[in-house]
Amino acid sequence: RFAPERMVPFSFPLSKCALWDPVPMGDVIGSHITYYRNPKLSMMEKTLRLAYRHAKQNEKKLFSCFLLGTFAVDEDGEGITLTIDRFDPGREV
């Protein structure tokens, strides 16, 4: 689903040496991942259970963690698949 109201322009940090001309050229185009592809999310049950158990055992309401996986374009070129297969609780510090 294309939602232009949620899109933000690209911005790059300032640098002493420019590698390209920063003046905009041409029309504005959307660069959203779901504009041209059909996304799918796949998650391993073991990973989901581990994340759930960690969330229940955590005393804080909010905590940080990482879900790691792979991102691939489908064979037909019409869709993308994000497969999450690892959970990392991260560090407190």
PDB file of N, CA and C in Angstrom:
ATOM      1  N   ARG A   1       0.838  -1.165   0.000  1.00  0.00           N
ATOM      2  CA  ARG A   1       0.000   0.000   0.000  1.00  0.00           C
ATOM      3  C   ARG A   1       0.885   1.231   0.000  1.00  0.00           C
ATOM      4  N   PHE A   2       0.654   2.126  -0.903  1.00  0.00           N
ATOM      5  CA  PHE A   2       1.462   3.332  -1.043  1.00  0.00           C
ATOM      6  C   PHE A   2       0.888   4.416  -0.150  1.00  0.00           C
ATOM      7  N   ALA A   3       1.683   4.941   0.766  1.00  0.00           N
ATOM      8  CA  ALA A   3       1.217   5.970   1.695  1.00  0.00           C
ATOM      9  C   ALA A   3       2.177   7.153   1.657  1.00  0.00           C
ATOM     10  N   PRO A   4       1.972   8.117   0.752  1.00  0.00           N
ATOM     11  CA  PRO A   4       2.909   9.232   0.621  1.00  0.00           C
ATOM     12  C   PRO A   4       2.966  10.124   1.847  1.00  0.00           C
ATOM     13  N   GLU A   5       1.918  10.156   2.670  1.00  0.00           N
ATOM     14  CA  GLU A   5       1.950  11.027   3.846  1.00  0.00           C
ATOM     15  C   GLU A   5       2.942  10.536   4.895  1.00  0.00           C
ATOM     16  N   ARG A   6       3.345   9.264   4.836  1.00  0.00           N
ATOM     17  CA  ARG A   6       4.303   8.725   5.797  1.00  0.00           C
ATOM     18  C   ARG A   6       5.724   8.692   5.248  1.00  0.00           C
ATOM     19  N   MET A   7       5.905   9.089   4.017  1.00  0.00           N
ATOM     20  CA  MET A   7       7.229   9.020   3.409  1.00  0.00           C
ATOM     21  C   MET A   7       8.033  10.263   3.770  1.00  0.00           C
ATOM     22  N   VAL A   8       9.317  10.069   3.979  1.00  0.00           N
ATOM     23  CA  VAL A   8      10.207  11.184   4.292  1.00  0.00           C
ATOM     24  C   VAL A   8      11.328  11.214   3.261  1.00  0.00           C
ATOM     25  N   PRO A   9      11.840  12.401   2.948  1.00  0.00           N
ATOM     26  CA  PRO A   9      12.919  12.487   1.956  1.00  0.00           C
ATOM     27  C   PRO A   9      14.238  11.948   2.509  1.00  0.00           C
ATOM     28  N   PHE A  10      15.091  11.488   1.589  1.00  0.00           N
ATOM     29  CA  PHE A  10      16.421  11.049   1.989  1.00  0.00           C
ATOM     30  C   PHE A  10      17.231  12.244   2.454  1.00  0.00           C
ATOM     31  N   SER A  11      18.077  12.065   3.427  1.00  0.00           N
ATOM     32  CA  SER A  11      18.999  13.124   3.834  1.00  0.00           C
ATOM     33  C   SER A  11      20.314  12.464   4.218  1.00  0.00           C
ATOM     34  N   PHE A  12      21.383  13.128   3.888  1.00  0.00           N
ATOM     35  CA  PHE A  12      22.719  12.612   4.153  1.00  0.00           C
ATOM     36  C   PHE A  12      23.450  13.576   5.075  1.00  0.00           C
ATOM     37  N   PRO A  13      24.371  13.078   5.899  1.00  0.00           N
ATOM     38  CA  PRO A  13      25.109  13.983   6.790  1.00  0.00           C
ATOM     39  C   PRO A  13      26.011  14.908   5.990  1.00  0.00           C
ATOM     40  N   LEU A  14      26.260  16.089   6.570  1.00  0.00           N
ATOM     41  CA  LEU A  14      27.142  17.052   5.930  1.00  0.00           C
ATOM     42  C   LEU A  14      28.571  16.511   5.897  1.00  0.00           C
ATOM     43  N   SER A  15      29.282  16.828   4.864  1.00  0.00           N
ATOM     44  CA  SER A  15      30.679  16.408   4.763  1.00  0.00           C
ATOM     45  C   SER A  15      31.489  17.542   4.148  1.00  0.00           C
ATOM     46  N   LYS A  16      32.803  17.460   4.296  1.00  0.00           N
ATOM     47  CA  LYS A  16      33.689  18.495   3.763  1.00  0.00           C
ATOM     48  C   LYS A  16      33.839  18.366   2.252  1.00  0.00           C
ATOM     49  N   CYS A  17      33.679  17.164   1.729  1.00  0.00           N
ATOM     50  CA  CYS A  17      33.886  16.923   0.306  1.00  0.00           C
ATOM     51  C   CYS A  17      32.637  16.251  -0.282  1.00  0.00           C
ATOM     52  N   ALA A  18      32.011  16.904  -1.263  1.00  0.00           N
ATOM     53  CA  ALA A  18      30.817  16.337  -1.893  1.00  0.00           C
ATOM     54  C   ALA A  18      31.223  15.420  -3.038  1.00  0.00           C
ATOM     55  N   LEU A  19      30.612  14.239  -3.096  1.00  0.00           N
ATOM     56  CA  LEU A  19      30.908  13.291  -4.161  1.00  0.00           C
ATOM     57  C   LEU A  19      29.961  13.445  -5.341  1.00  0.00           C
ATOM     58  N   TRP A  20      28.904  14.231  -5.197  1.00  0.00           N
ATOM     59  CA  TRP A  20      27.953  14.468  -6.264  1.00  0.00           C
ATOM     60  C   TRP A  20      27.367  15.862  -6.109  1.00  0.00           C
ATOM     61  N   ASP A  21      26.719  16.321  -7.143  1.00  0.00           N
ATOM     62  CA  ASP A  21      26.064  17.625  -7.129  1.00  0.00           C
ATOM     63  C   ASP A  21      24.763  17.489  -6.327  1.00  0.00           C
ATOM     64  N   PRO A  22      24.604  18.215  -5.200  1.00  0.00           N
ATOM     65  CA  PRO A  22      23.434  18.034  -4.348  1.00  0.00           C
ATOM     66  C   PRO A  22      22.164  18.720  -4.859  1.00  0.00           C
ATOM     67  N   VAL A  23      22.224  19.405  -5.993  1.00  0.00           N
ATOM     68  CA  VAL A  23      21.044  20.097  -6.511  1.00  0.00           C
ATOM     69  C   VAL A  23      20.046  19.061  -7.051  1.00  0.00           C
ATOM     70  N   PRO A  24      18.779  19.111  -6.599  1.00  0.00           N
ATOM     71  CA  PRO A  24      17.782  18.144  -7.086  1.00  0.00           C
ATOM     72  C   PRO A  24      17.565  18.271  -8.595  1.00  0.00           C
ATOM     73  N   MET A  25      17.400  17.133  -9.263  1.00  0.00           N
ATOM     74  CA  MET A  25      17.148  17.116 -10.703  1.00  0.00           C
ATOM     75  C   MET A  25      15.975  16.177 -10.975  1.00  0.00           C
ATOM     76  N   GLY A  26      15.046  16.592 -11.806  1.00  0.00           N
ATOM     77  CA  GLY A  26      13.942  15.722 -12.193  1.00  0.00           C
ATOM     78  C   GLY A  26      12.793  15.724 -11.209  1.00  0.00           C
ATOM     79  N   ASP A  27      11.842  14.845 -11.478  1.00  0.00           N
ATOM     80  CA  ASP A  27      10.639  14.738 -10.651  1.00  0.00           C
ATOM     81  C   ASP A  27      10.912  13.905  -9.408  1.00  0.00           C
ATOM     82  N   VAL A  28      10.110  14.127  -8.381  1.00  0.00           N
ATOM     83  CA  VAL A  28      10.193  13.352  -7.147  1.00  0.00           C
ATOM     84  C   VAL A  28       9.567  11.984  -7.400  1.00  0.00           C
ATOM     85  N   ILE A  29      10.239  10.924  -6.928  1.00  0.00           N
ATOM     86  CA  ILE A  29       9.702   9.575  -7.065  1.00  0.00           C
ATOM     87  C   ILE A  29       9.643   8.911  -5.694  1.00  0.00           C
ATOM     88  N   GLY A  30       8.724   7.983  -5.533  1.00  0.00           N
ATOM     89  CA  GLY A  30       8.611   7.238  -4.283  1.00  0.00           C
ATOM     90  C   GLY A  30       9.593   6.078  -4.268  1.00  0.00           C
ATOM     91  N   SER A  31      10.147   5.809  -3.102  1.00  0.00           N
ATOM     92  CA  SER A  31      11.090   4.705  -2.971  1.00  0.00           C
ATOM     93  C   SER A  31      10.691   3.839  -1.785  1.00  0.00           C
ATOM     94  N   HIS A  32       9.476   3.349  -1.789  1.00  0.00           N
ATOM     95  CA  HIS A  32       8.985   2.527  -0.698  1.00  0.00           C
ATOM     96  C   HIS A  32       9.072   1.057  -1.099  1.00  0.00           C
ATOM     97  N   ILE A  33       9.448   0.213  -0.164  1.00  0.00           N
ATOM     98  CA  ILE A  33       9.702  -1.196  -0.457  1.00  0.00           C
ATOM     99  C   ILE A  33       8.443  -1.925  -0.954  1.00  0.00           C
ATOM    100  N   THR A  34       7.270  -1.503  -0.521  1.00  0.00           N
ATOM    101  CA  THR A  34       6.052  -2.190  -0.935  1.00  0.00           C
ATOM    102  C   THR A  34       5.415  -1.581  -2.176  1.00  0.00           C
ATOM    103  N   TYR A  35       6.032  -0.574  -2.753  1.00  0.00           N
ATOM    104  CA  TYR A  35       5.447   0.071  -3.932  1.00  0.00           C
ATOM    105  C   TYR A  35       5.478  -0.860  -5.141  1.00  0.00           C
ATOM    106  N   TYR A  36       6.567  -1.613  -5.306  1.00  0.00           N
ATOM    107  CA  TYR A  36       6.710  -2.495  -6.460  1.00  0.00           C
ATOM    108  C   TYR A  36       6.671  -3.977  -6.094  1.00  0.00           C
ATOM    109  N   ARG A  37       6.769  -4.313  -4.841  1.00  0.00           N
ATOM    110  CA  ARG A  37       6.864  -5.715  -4.434  1.00  0.00           C
ATOM    111  C   ARG A  37       5.802  -6.073  -3.405  1.00  0.00           C
ATOM    112  N   ASN A  38       5.480  -7.346  -3.332  1.00  0.00           N
ATOM    113  CA  ASN A  38       4.552  -7.861  -2.323  1.00  0.00           C
ATOM    114  C   ASN A  38       5.371  -8.440  -1.175  1.00  0.00           C
ATOM    115  N   PRO A  39       5.365  -7.795   0.005  1.00  0.00           N
ATOM    116  CA  PRO A  39       6.201  -8.280   1.109  1.00  0.00           C
ATOM    117  C   PRO A  39       5.569  -9.456   1.850  1.00  0.00           C
ATOM    118  N   LYS A  40       6.429 -10.364   2.332  1.00  0.00           N
ATOM    119  CA  LYS A  40       6.015 -11.484   3.174  1.00  0.00           C
ATOM    120  C   LYS A  40       6.964 -11.542   4.362  1.00  0.00           C
ATOM    121  N   LEU A  41       6.437 -11.849   5.517  1.00  0.00           N
ATOM    122  CA  LEU A  41       7.231 -11.989   6.725  1.00  0.00           C
ATOM    123  C   LEU A  41       7.113 -13.420   7.198  1.00  0.00           C
ATOM    124  N   SER A  42       8.254 -14.059   7.415  1.00  0.00           N
ATOM    125  CA  SER A  42       8.291 -15.428   7.897  1.00  0.00           C
ATOM    126  C   SER A  42       9.147 -15.446   9.158  1.00  0.00           C
ATOM    127  N   MET A  43       8.638 -16.077  10.216  1.00  0.00           N
ATOM    128  CA  MET A  43       9.378 -16.093  11.473  1.00  0.00           C
ATOM    129  C   MET A  43       9.391 -17.506  12.035  1.00  0.00           C
ATOM    130  N   MET A  44      10.556 -17.941  12.486  1.00  0.00           N
ATOM    131  CA  MET A  44      10.689 -19.268  13.076  1.00  0.00           C
ATOM    132  C   MET A  44       9.943 -19.298  14.420  1.00  0.00           C
ATOM    133  N   GLU A  45       9.229 -20.380  14.683  1.00  0.00           N
ATOM    134  CA  GLU A  45       8.462 -20.490  15.923  1.00  0.00           C
ATOM    135  C   GLU A  45       9.378 -20.431  17.144  1.00  0.00           C
ATOM    136  N   LYS A  46      10.539 -21.062  17.045  1.00  0.00           N
ATOM    137  CA  LYS A  46      11.497 -21.074  18.157  1.00  0.00           C
ATOM    138  C   LYS A  46      11.931 -19.646  18.508  1.00  0.00           C
ATOM    139  N   THR A  47      12.153 -18.828  17.500  1.00  0.00           N
ATOM    140  CA  THR A  47      12.574 -17.439  17.711  1.00  0.00           C
ATOM    141  C   THR A  47      11.462 -16.643  18.387  1.00  0.00           C
ATOM    142  N   LEU A  48      10.242 -16.826  17.929  1.00  0.00           N
ATOM    143  CA  LEU A  48       9.099 -16.121  18.504  1.00  0.00           C
ATOM    144  C   LEU A  48       8.879 -16.516  19.957  1.00  0.00           C
ATOM    145  N   ARG A  49       8.992 -17.811  20.254  1.00  0.00           N
ATOM    146  CA  ARG A  49       8.821 -18.274  21.633  1.00  0.00           C
ATOM    147  C   ARG A  49       9.916 -17.730  22.552  1.00  0.00           C
ATOM    148  N   LEU A  50      11.138 -17.672  22.060  1.00  0.00           N
ATOM    149  CA  LEU A  50      12.250 -17.148  22.855  1.00  0.00           C
ATOM    150  C   LEU A  50      12.042 -15.667  23.152  1.00  0.00           C
ATOM    151  N   ALA A  51      11.635 -14.894  22.148  1.00  0.00           N
ATOM    152  CA  ALA A  51      11.372 -13.463  22.346  1.00  0.00           C
ATOM    153  C   ALA A  51      10.215 -13.253  23.328  1.00  0.00           C
ATOM    154  N   TYR A  52       9.179 -14.057  23.199  1.00  0.00           N
ATOM    155  CA  TYR A  52       8.025 -13.956  24.097  1.00  0.00           C
ATOM    156  C   TYR A  52       8.426 -14.269  25.536  1.00  0.00           C
ATOM    157  N   ARG A  53       9.200 -15.338  25.724  1.00  0.00           N
ATOM    158  CA  ARG A  53       9.651 -15.714  27.072  1.00  0.00           C
ATOM    159  C   ARG A  53      10.517 -14.614  27.682  1.00  0.00           C
ATOM    160  N   HIS A  54      11.404 -14.041  26.858  1.00  0.00           N
ATOM    161  CA  HIS A  54      12.274 -12.962  27.341  1.00  0.00           C
ATOM    162  C   HIS A  54      11.439 -11.743  27.753  1.00  0.00           C
ATOM    163  N   ALA A  55      10.413 -11.411  26.977  1.00  0.00           N
ATOM    164  CA  ALA A  55       9.553 -10.268  27.291  1.00  0.00           C
ATOM    165  C   ALA A  55       8.779 -10.502  28.587  1.00  0.00           C
ATOM    166  N   LYS A  56       8.290 -11.722  28.802  1.00  0.00           N
ATOM    167  CA  LYS A  56       7.544 -12.026  30.027  1.00  0.00           C
ATOM    168  C   LYS A  56       8.438 -11.974  31.260  1.00  0.00           C
ATOM    169  N   GLN A  57       9.697 -12.398  31.132  1.00  0.00           N
ATOM    170  CA  GLN A  57      10.613 -12.435  32.269  1.00  0.00           C
ATOM    171  C   GLN A  57      11.214 -11.072  32.573  1.00  0.00           C
ATOM    172  N   ASN A  58      11.161 -10.160  31.627  1.00  0.00           N
ATOM    173  CA  ASN A  58      11.744  -8.835  31.825  1.00  0.00           C
ATOM    174  C   ASN A  58      10.861  -8.022  32.762  1.00  0.00           C
ATOM    175  N   GLU A  59      11.491  -7.375  33.749  1.00  0.00           N
ATOM    176  CA  GLU A  59      10.739  -6.605  34.733  1.00  0.00           C
ATOM    177  C   GLU A  59      10.307  -5.245  34.192  1.00  0.00           C
ATOM    178  N   LYS A  60      11.007  -4.737  33.187  1.00  0.00           N
ATOM    179  CA  LYS A  60      10.670  -3.426  32.622  1.00  0.00           C
ATOM    180  C   LYS A  60       9.516  -3.573  31.624  1.00  0.00           C
ATOM    181  N   LYS A  61       8.759  -2.491  31.468  1.00  0.00           N
ATOM    182  CA  LYS A  61       7.696  -2.515  30.464  1.00  0.00           C
ATOM    183  C   LYS A  61       8.292  -2.432  29.064  1.00  0.00           C
ATOM    184  N   LEU A  62       9.326  -1.610  28.895  1.00  0.00           N
ATOM    185  CA  LEU A  62       9.995  -1.458  27.610  1.00  0.00           C
ATOM    186  C   LEU A  62      11.402  -2.033  27.691  1.00  0.00           C
ATOM    187  N   PHE A  63      11.809  -2.765  26.691  1.00  0.00           N
ATOM    188  CA  PHE A  63      13.165  -3.285  26.637  1.00  0.00           C
ATOM    189  C   PHE A  63      13.599  -3.353  25.184  1.00  0.00           C
ATOM    190  N   SER A  64      14.906  -3.397  24.984  1.00  0.00           N
ATOM    191  CA  SER A  64      15.459  -3.448  23.625  1.00  0.00           C
ATOM    192  C   SER A  64      15.900  -4.864  23.298  1.00  0.00           C
ATOM    193  N   CYS A  65      15.743  -5.232  22.043  1.00  0.00           N
ATOM    194  CA  CYS A  65      16.214  -6.527  21.576  1.00  0.00           C
ATOM    195  C   CYS A  65      16.414  -6.449  20.062  1.00  0.00           C
ATOM    196  N   PHE A  66      16.978  -7.489  19.491  1.00  0.00           N
ATOM    197  CA  PHE A  66      17.202  -7.558  18.057  1.00  0.00           C
ATOM    198  C   PHE A  66      16.571  -8.830  17.506  1.00  0.00           C
ATOM    199  N   LEU A  67      15.909  -8.704  16.378  1.00  0.00           N
ATOM    200  CA  LEU A  67      15.441  -9.861  15.625  1.00  0.00           C
ATOM    201  C   LEU A  67      16.253  -9.873  14.337  1.00  0.00           C
ATOM    202  N   LEU A  68      16.971 -10.969  14.103  1.00  0.00           N
ATOM    203  CA  LEU A  68      17.883 -11.053  12.961  1.00  0.00           C
ATOM    204  C   LEU A  68      17.365 -12.054  11.943  1.00  0.00           C
ATOM    205  N   GLY A  69      17.610 -11.762  10.678  1.00  0.00           N
ATOM    206  CA  GLY A  69      17.146 -12.673   9.652  1.00  0.00           C
ATOM    207  C   GLY A  69      17.711 -12.348   8.288  1.00  0.00           C
ATOM    208  N   THR A  70      17.053 -12.858   7.260  1.00  0.00           N
ATOM    209  CA  THR A  70      17.506 -12.655   5.886  1.00  0.00           C
ATOM    210  C   THR A  70      16.407 -11.986   5.072  1.00  0.00           C
ATOM    211  N   PHE A  71      16.838 -11.276   4.070  1.00  0.00           N
ATOM    212  CA  PHE A  71      15.943 -10.531   3.187  1.00  0.00           C
ATOM    213  C   PHE A  71      16.218 -10.999   1.768  1.00  0.00           C
ATOM    214  N   ALA A  72      15.199 -11.462   1.057  1.00  0.00           N
ATOM    215  CA  ALA A  72      15.418 -12.004  -0.281  1.00  0.00           C
ATOM    216  C   ALA A  72      14.268 -11.652  -1.216  1.00  0.00           C
ATOM    217  N   VAL A  73      14.611 -11.505  -2.499  1.00  0.00           N
ATOM    218  CA  VAL A  73      13.602 -11.302  -3.538  1.00  0.00           C
ATOM    219  C   VAL A  73      13.156 -12.680  -4.007  1.00  0.00           C
ATOM    220  N   ASP A  74      11.848 -12.866  -4.151  1.00  0.00           N
ATOM    221  CA  ASP A  74      11.304 -14.160  -4.593  1.00  0.00           C
ATOM    222  C   ASP A  74      11.791 -14.504  -5.998  1.00  0.00           C
ATOM    223  N   GLU A  75      11.741 -15.786  -6.330  1.00  0.00           N
ATOM    224  CA  GLU A  75      12.218 -16.259  -7.636  1.00  0.00           C
ATOM    225  C   GLU A  75      11.495 -15.613  -8.805  1.00  0.00           C
ATOM    226  N   ASP A  76      10.203 -15.343  -8.646  1.00  0.00           N
ATOM    227  CA  ASP A  76       9.453 -14.732  -9.739  1.00  0.00           C
ATOM    228  C   ASP A  76       9.690 -13.226  -9.851  1.00  0.00           C
ATOM    229  N   GLY A  77      10.398 -12.647  -8.886  1.00  0.00           N
ATOM    230  CA  GLY A  77      10.705 -11.228  -8.912  1.00  0.00           C
ATOM    231  C   GLY A  77       9.551 -10.344  -8.494  1.00  0.00           C
ATOM    232  N   GLU A  78       8.430 -10.931  -8.102  1.00  0.00           N
ATOM    233  CA  GLU A  78       7.244 -10.161  -7.753  1.00  0.00           C
ATOM    234  C   GLU A  78       7.131  -9.852  -6.263  1.00  0.00           C
ATOM    235  N   GLY A  79       7.836 -10.583  -5.437  1.00  0.00           N
ATOM    236  CA  GLY A  79       7.687 -10.390  -4.000  1.00  0.00           C
ATOM    237  C   GLY A  79       9.023 -10.392  -3.284  1.00  0.00           C
ATOM    238  N   ILE A  80       8.990  -9.982  -2.031  1.00  0.00           N
ATOM    239  CA  ILE A  80      10.165 -10.027  -1.167  1.00  0.00           C
ATOM    240  C   ILE A  80       9.788 -10.789   0.096  1.00  0.00           C
ATOM    241  N   THR A  81      10.744 -11.474   0.667  1.00  0.00           N
ATOM    242  CA  THR A  81      10.502 -12.251   1.878  1.00  0.00           C
ATOM    243  C   THR A  81      11.538 -11.882   2.932  1.00  0.00           C
ATOM    244  N   LEU A  82      11.057 -11.529   4.110  1.00  0.00           N
ATOM    245  CA  LEU A  82      11.916 -11.285   5.259  1.00  0.00           C
ATOM    246  C   LEU A  82      11.733 -12.473   6.189  1.00  0.00           C
ATOM    247  N   THR A  83      12.794 -13.251   6.377  1.00  0.00           N
ATOM    248  CA  THR A  83      12.751 -14.435   7.228  1.00  0.00           C
ATOM    249  C   THR A  83      13.531 -14.150   8.501  1.00  0.00           C
ATOM    250  N   ILE A  84      12.833 -14.091   9.625  1.00  0.00           N
ATOM    251  CA  ILE A  84      13.468 -13.828  10.917  1.00  0.00           C
ATOM    252  C   ILE A  84      13.724 -15.164  11.581  1.00  0.00           C
ATOM    253  N   ASP A  85      15.008 -15.425  11.876  1.00  0.00           N
ATOM    254  CA  ASP A  85      15.343 -16.735  12.435  1.00  0.00           C
ATOM    255  C   ASP A  85      16.185 -16.680  13.710  1.00  0.00           C
ATOM    256  N   ARG A  86      16.522 -15.474  14.185  1.00  0.00           N
ATOM    257  CA  ARG A  86      17.320 -15.397  15.414  1.00  0.00           C
ATOM    258  C   ARG A  86      16.830 -14.251  16.301  1.00  0.00           C
ATOM    259  N   PHE A  87      16.962 -14.458  17.604  1.00  0.00           N
ATOM    260  CA  PHE A  87      16.608 -13.451  18.598  1.00  0.00           C
ATOM    261  C   PHE A  87      17.850 -13.143  19.423  1.00  0.00           C
ATOM    262  N   ASP A  88      18.124 -11.859  19.595  1.00  0.00           N
ATOM    263  CA  ASP A  88      19.257 -11.420  20.402  1.00  0.00           C
ATOM    264  C   ASP A  88      18.722 -10.412  21.420  1.00  0.00           C
ATOM    265  N   PRO A  89      18.778 -10.738  22.712  1.00  0.00           N
ATOM    266  CA  PRO A  89      18.244  -9.810  23.706  1.00  0.00           C
ATOM    267  C   PRO A  89      19.073  -8.537  23.867  1.00  0.00           C
ATOM    268  N   GLY A  90      20.273  -8.506  23.329  1.00  0.00           N
ATOM    269  CA  GLY A  90      21.101  -7.310  23.420  1.00  0.00           C
ATOM    270  C   GLY A  90      21.743  -7.169  24.778  1.00  0.00           C
ATOM    271  N   ARG A  91      22.246  -5.996  25.029  1.00  0.00           N
ATOM    272  CA  ARG A  91      22.915  -5.698  26.311  1.00  0.00           C
ATOM    273  C   ARG A  91      22.205  -4.549  27.003  1.00  0.00           C
ATOM    274  N   GLU A  92      22.252  -4.547  28.296  1.00  0.00           N
ATOM    275  CA  GLU A  92      21.619  -3.481  29.067  1.00  0.00           C
ATOM    276  C   GLU A  92      22.393  -2.165  28.979  1.00  0.00           C
ATOM    277  N   VAL A  93      23.711  -2.261  28.807  1.00  0.00           N
ATOM    278  CA  VAL A  93      24.554  -1.047  28.757  1.00  0.00           C
ATOM    279  C   VAL A  93      24.811  -0.678  27.311  1.00  0.00           C
TER     280      VAL A  93
END
